[in-house]
Amino acid sequence: MTARRASCCCGALSAEAEGEPAAISLCHCLECQRRTGAPFGIGAYYDAGQVRLGGASTVYERTVGSRKLAFHFCPRCGSTVYWTAENHPGRVGIAVGAFGDPHFPKPMRSVFERSRHQWIEMPADIAGFSAGRDSTPSRRA
């Protein structure tokens, strides 16, 4: 079984995941752009039972519509390592960049493409959605 370790820049906050993620998504929403300082965020989503968390975190909570998200970041270096969403209990999202693995599997979908930077071209084999994953597909994989 594959085991992967994600951590913040200073190594104080970590998430260890056993097995493969249930989903890997690129998110182009403005909130993820602001949170990451990049044109998109990318998360690997695991069942909570697959994940072991380590270290102290500071939590930033955000409410989008009726759903609450809790982002856990290192209080020392500021790196976001993982998050949870109230509408997906039992799931943990882990920042793919925190794994530091250039061989990490590629995303399965791209969401909130309506706010995607126009210079970013998405591969044809990744499903795209104009808003969240339950929205109308903007293109099919």
C-alpha atoms as a PDB file:
ATOM      1  CA  MET A   1       0.000   0.000   0.000  1.00  0.00           C
ATOM      2  CA  THR A   2       1.279   3.457  -0.895  1.00  0.00           C
ATOM      3  CA  ALA A   3       2.132   5.746   2.020  1.00  0.00           C
ATOM      4  CA  ARG A   4       2.742   9.450   1.456  1.00  0.00           C
ATOM      5  CA  ARG A   5       3.761  12.229   3.844  1.00  0.00           C
ATOM      6  CA  ALA A   6       2.799  15.869   3.394  1.00  0.00           C
ATOM      7  CA  SER A   7       4.240  18.625   5.551  1.00  0.00           C
ATOM      8  CA  CYS A   8       4.518  22.365   5.885  1.00  0.00           C
ATOM      9  CA  CYS A   9       7.705  24.237   4.944  1.00  0.00           C
ATOM     10  CA  CYS A  10       9.246  23.956   8.420  1.00  0.00           C
ATOM     11  CA  GLY A  11       8.087  20.349   9.011  1.00  0.00           C
ATOM     12  CA  ALA A  12       6.099  21.074  12.190  1.00  0.00           C
ATOM     13  CA  LEU A  13       2.674  20.177  10.703  1.00  0.00           C
ATOM     14  CA  SER A  14       2.148  16.982   8.732  1.00  0.00           C
ATOM     15  CA  ALA A  15      -0.410  14.635   7.233  1.00  0.00           C
ATOM     16  CA  GLU A  16       0.438  11.027   6.410  1.00  0.00           C
ATOM     17  CA  ALA A  17      -1.859   9.237   3.976  1.00  0.00           C
ATOM     18  CA  GLU A  18      -2.110   5.480   3.367  1.00  0.00           C
ATOM     19  CA  GLY A  19      -3.333   4.281  -0.005  1.00  0.00           C
ATOM     20  CA  GLU A  20      -4.575   6.254  -2.965  1.00  0.00           C
ATOM     21  CA  PRO A  21      -6.757   9.358  -2.721  1.00  0.00           C
ATOM     22  CA  ALA A  22     -10.463   9.073  -3.559  1.00  0.00           C
ATOM     23  CA  ALA A  23     -10.149  12.211  -5.712  1.00  0.00           C
ATOM     24  CA  ILE A  24      -7.606  14.797  -6.817  1.00  0.00           C
ATOM     25  CA  SER A  25      -8.985  18.185  -7.857  1.00  0.00           C
ATOM     26  CA  LEU A  26      -7.692  21.478  -9.191  1.00  0.00           C
ATOM     27  CA  CYS A  27      -9.716  24.433  -7.884  1.00  0.00           C
ATOM     28  CA  HIS A  28      -9.671  27.800  -9.639  1.00  0.00           C
ATOM     29  CA  CYS A  29     -12.085  29.572  -7.244  1.00  0.00           C
ATOM     30  CA  LEU A  30     -11.018  33.013  -6.073  1.00  0.00           C
ATOM     31  CA  GLU A  31     -10.837  31.833  -2.461  1.00  0.00           C
ATOM     32  CA  CYS A  32      -8.291  29.116  -3.338  1.00  0.00           C
ATOM     33  CA  GLN A  33      -6.340  31.607  -5.427  1.00  0.00           C
ATOM     34  CA  ARG A  34      -6.127  33.975  -2.453  1.00  0.00           C
ATOM     35  CA  ARG A  35      -5.409  31.183   0.056  1.00  0.00           C
ATOM     36  CA  THR A  36      -2.563  29.688  -1.965  1.00  0.00           C
ATOM     37  CA  GLY A  37      -1.214  32.822  -3.634  1.00  0.00           C
ATOM     38  CA  ALA A  38      -1.311  30.836  -6.890  1.00  0.00           C
ATOM     39  CA  PRO A  39      -3.751  30.712  -9.837  1.00  0.00           C
ATOM     40  CA  PHE A  40      -5.290  27.501  -8.461  1.00  0.00           C
ATOM     41  CA  GLY A  41      -5.237  25.161  -5.500  1.00  0.00           C
ATOM     42  CA  ILE A  42      -4.858  21.406  -5.866  1.00  0.00           C
ATOM     43  CA  GLY A  43      -6.031  18.928  -3.286  1.00  0.00           C
ATOM     44  CA  ALA A  44      -5.940  15.168  -2.808  1.00  0.00           C
ATOM     45  CA  TYR A  45      -8.989  13.900  -0.934  1.00  0.00           C
ATOM     46  CA  TYR A  46      -8.684  10.903   1.372  1.00  0.00           C
ATOM     47  CA  ASP A  47     -11.063   9.111   3.700  1.00  0.00           C
ATOM     48  CA  ALA A  48     -10.230  10.291   7.218  1.00  0.00           C
ATOM     49  CA  GLY A  49      -9.279   6.733   8.236  1.00  0.00           C
ATOM     50  CA  GLN A  50      -6.430   6.829   5.703  1.00  0.00           C
ATOM     51  CA  VAL A  51      -4.876   9.956   7.235  1.00  0.00           C
ATOM     52  CA  ARG A  52      -2.747  10.501  10.347  1.00  0.00           C
ATOM     53  CA  LEU A  53      -2.241  14.152  11.314  1.00  0.00           C
ATOM     54  CA  GLY A  54       0.723  15.445  13.300  1.00  0.00           C
ATOM     55  CA  GLY A  55       1.680  18.745  14.886  1.00  0.00           C
ATOM     56  CA  ALA A  56      -0.226  21.817  16.002  1.00  0.00           C
ATOM     57  CA  SER A  57      -2.211  23.840  13.487  1.00  0.00           C
ATOM     58  CA  THR A  58      -4.007  27.146  13.315  1.00  0.00           C
ATOM     59  CA  VAL A  59      -7.433  26.922  11.704  1.00  0.00           C
ATOM     60  CA  TYR A  60      -8.972  29.355   9.238  1.00  0.00           C
ATOM     61  CA  GLU A  61     -12.696  28.690   8.793  1.00  0.00           C
ATOM     62  CA  ARG A  62     -14.597  29.877   5.763  1.00  0.00           C
ATOM     63  CA  THR A  63     -18.278  29.519   4.950  1.00  0.00           C
ATOM     64  CA  VAL A  64     -19.342  29.239   1.328  1.00  0.00           C
ATOM     65  CA  GLY A  65     -23.117  29.218   0.986  1.00  0.00           C
ATOM     66  CA  SER A  66     -24.235  26.615   3.500  1.00  0.00           C
ATOM     67  CA  ARG A  67     -20.933  24.748   3.710  1.00  0.00           C
ATOM     68  CA  LYS A  68     -18.149  25.357   6.178  1.00  0.00           C
ATOM     69  CA  LEU A  69     -14.497  24.619   5.367  1.00  0.00           C
ATOM     70  CA  ALA A  70     -11.678  24.473   7.923  1.00  0.00           C
ATOM     71  CA  PHE A  71      -8.140  25.029   6.602  1.00  0.00           C
ATOM     72  CA  HIS A  72      -5.302  23.888   8.866  1.00  0.00           C
ATOM     73  CA  PHE A  73      -2.018  25.700   8.476  1.00  0.00           C
ATOM     74  CA  CYS A  74       1.243  25.792  10.392  1.00  0.00           C
ATOM     75  CA  PRO A  75       1.333  28.583  12.994  1.00  0.00           C
ATOM     76  CA  ARG A  76       5.102  28.866  12.507  1.00  0.00           C
ATOM     77  CA  CYS A  77       5.638  28.952   8.718  1.00  0.00           C
ATOM     78  CA  GLY A  78       2.065  29.568   7.493  1.00  0.00           C
ATOM     79  CA  SER A  79       1.814  26.650   5.034  1.00  0.00           C
ATOM     80  CA  THR A  80      -1.649  25.149   4.535  1.00  0.00           C
ATOM     81  CA  VAL A  81      -1.319  21.369   4.793  1.00  0.00           C
ATOM     82  CA  TYR A  82      -4.886  20.021   5.019  1.00  0.00           C
ATOM     83  CA  TRP A  83      -8.556  20.930   5.288  1.00  0.00           C
ATOM     84  CA  THR A  84     -11.975  19.491   6.017  1.00  0.00           C
ATOM     85  CA  ALA A  85     -15.417  20.392   4.680  1.00  0.00           C
ATOM     86  CA  GLU A  86     -18.621  20.148   6.675  1.00  0.00           C
ATOM     87  CA  ASN A  87     -20.516  18.839   3.634  1.00  0.00           C
ATOM     88  CA  HIS A  88     -18.001  15.976   3.220  1.00  0.00           C
ATOM     89  CA  PRO A  89     -17.682  14.483   6.706  1.00  0.00           C
ATOM     90  CA  GLY A  90     -15.089  11.766   6.958  1.00  0.00           C
ATOM     91  CA  ARG A  91     -12.919  13.266   4.193  1.00  0.00           C
ATOM     92  CA  VAL A  92      -9.636  15.164   4.492  1.00  0.00           C
ATOM     93  CA  GLY A  93      -8.201  17.299   1.706  1.00  0.00           C
ATOM     94  CA  ILE A  94      -4.405  17.526   1.609  1.00  0.00           C
ATOM     95  CA  ALA A  95      -2.503  20.136  -0.396  1.00  0.00           C
ATOM     96  CA  VAL A  96      -0.760  18.203  -3.178  1.00  0.00           C
ATOM     97  CA  GLY A  97       2.243  20.551  -3.092  1.00  0.00           C
ATOM     98  CA  ALA A  98       2.779  19.667   0.578  1.00  0.00           C
ATOM     99  CA  PHE A  99       3.708  16.128  -0.499  1.00  0.00           C
ATOM    100  CA  GLY A 100       6.704  17.460  -2.426  1.00  0.00           C
ATOM    101  CA  ASP A 101       6.337  14.582  -4.885  1.00  0.00           C
ATOM    102  CA  PRO A 102       6.678  15.317  -8.623  1.00  0.00           C
ATOM    103  CA  HIS A 103       5.324  11.808  -9.315  1.00  0.00           C
ATOM    104  CA  PHE A 104       2.045  12.394  -7.457  1.00  0.00           C
ATOM    105  CA  PRO A 105      -0.946  11.258  -9.582  1.00  0.00           C
ATOM    106  CA  LYS A 106      -2.503  13.927 -11.795  1.00  0.00           C
ATOM    107  CA  PRO A 107      -5.868  15.569 -11.053  1.00  0.00           C
ATOM    108  CA  MET A 108      -9.123  13.911 -12.070  1.00  0.00           C
ATOM    109  CA  ARG A 109     -11.084  17.140 -12.371  1.00  0.00           C
ATOM    110  CA  SER A 110     -10.824  20.903 -12.502  1.00  0.00           C
ATOM    111  CA  VAL A 111     -13.494  22.977 -10.728  1.00  0.00           C
ATOM    112  CA  PHE A 112     -14.520  26.654 -10.808  1.00  0.00           C
ATOM    113  CA  GLU A 113     -13.118  27.032 -14.298  1.00  0.00           C
ATOM    114  CA  ARG A 114     -15.198  30.198 -14.723  1.00  0.00           C
ATOM    115  CA  SER A 115     -12.452  31.962 -12.714  1.00  0.00           C
ATOM    116  CA  ARG A 116      -9.538  30.047 -14.283  1.00  0.00           C
ATOM    117  CA  HIS A 117      -6.682  32.228 -15.497  1.00  0.00           C
ATOM    118  CA  GLN A 118      -6.998  32.275 -19.277  1.00  0.00           C
ATOM    119  CA  TRP A 119      -3.353  31.373 -19.874  1.00  0.00           C
ATOM    120  CA  ILE A 120      -3.786  28.050 -18.066  1.00  0.00           C
ATOM    121  CA  GLU A 121      -4.575  25.250 -20.500  1.00  0.00           C
ATOM    122  CA  MET A 122      -6.120  22.149 -19.024  1.00  0.00           C
ATOM    123  CA  PRO A 123      -5.329  18.674 -20.403  1.00  0.00           C
ATOM    124  CA  ALA A 124      -8.226  17.149 -22.347  1.00  0.00           C
ATOM    125  CA  ASP A 125      -8.333  14.077 -20.086  1.00  0.00           C
ATOM    126  CA  ILE A 126      -9.249  16.080 -16.957  1.00  0.00           C
ATOM    127  CA  ALA A 127     -12.987  16.760 -16.514  1.00  0.00           C
ATOM    128  CA  GLY A 128     -13.790  20.459 -16.148  1.00  0.00           C
ATOM    129  CA  PHE A 129     -16.639  22.172 -14.301  1.00  0.00           C
ATOM    130  CA  SER A 130     -17.644  25.840 -14.465  1.00  0.00           C
ATOM    131  CA  ALA A 131     -18.350  25.889 -10.715  1.00  0.00           C
ATOM    132  CA  GLY A 132     -18.170  23.040  -8.170  1.00  0.00           C
ATOM    133  CA  ARG A 133     -18.015  19.356  -9.078  1.00  0.00           C
ATOM    134  CA  ASP A 134     -21.817  19.113  -9.045  1.00  0.00           C
ATOM    135  CA  SER A 135     -22.185  21.947 -11.575  1.00  0.00           C
ATOM    136  CA  THR A 136     -22.597  21.696 -15.333  1.00  0.00           C
ATOM    137  CA  PRO A 137     -19.469  20.262 -16.939  1.00  0.00           C
ATOM    138  CA  SER A 138     -17.584  22.851 -18.980  1.00  0.00           C
ATOM    139  CA  ARG A 139     -15.821  20.003 -20.790  1.00  0.00           C
ATOM    140  CA  ARG A 140     -15.650  16.242 -20.493  1.00  0.00           C
ATOM    141  CA  ALA A 141     -12.558  14.113 -20.019  1.00  0.00           C
END
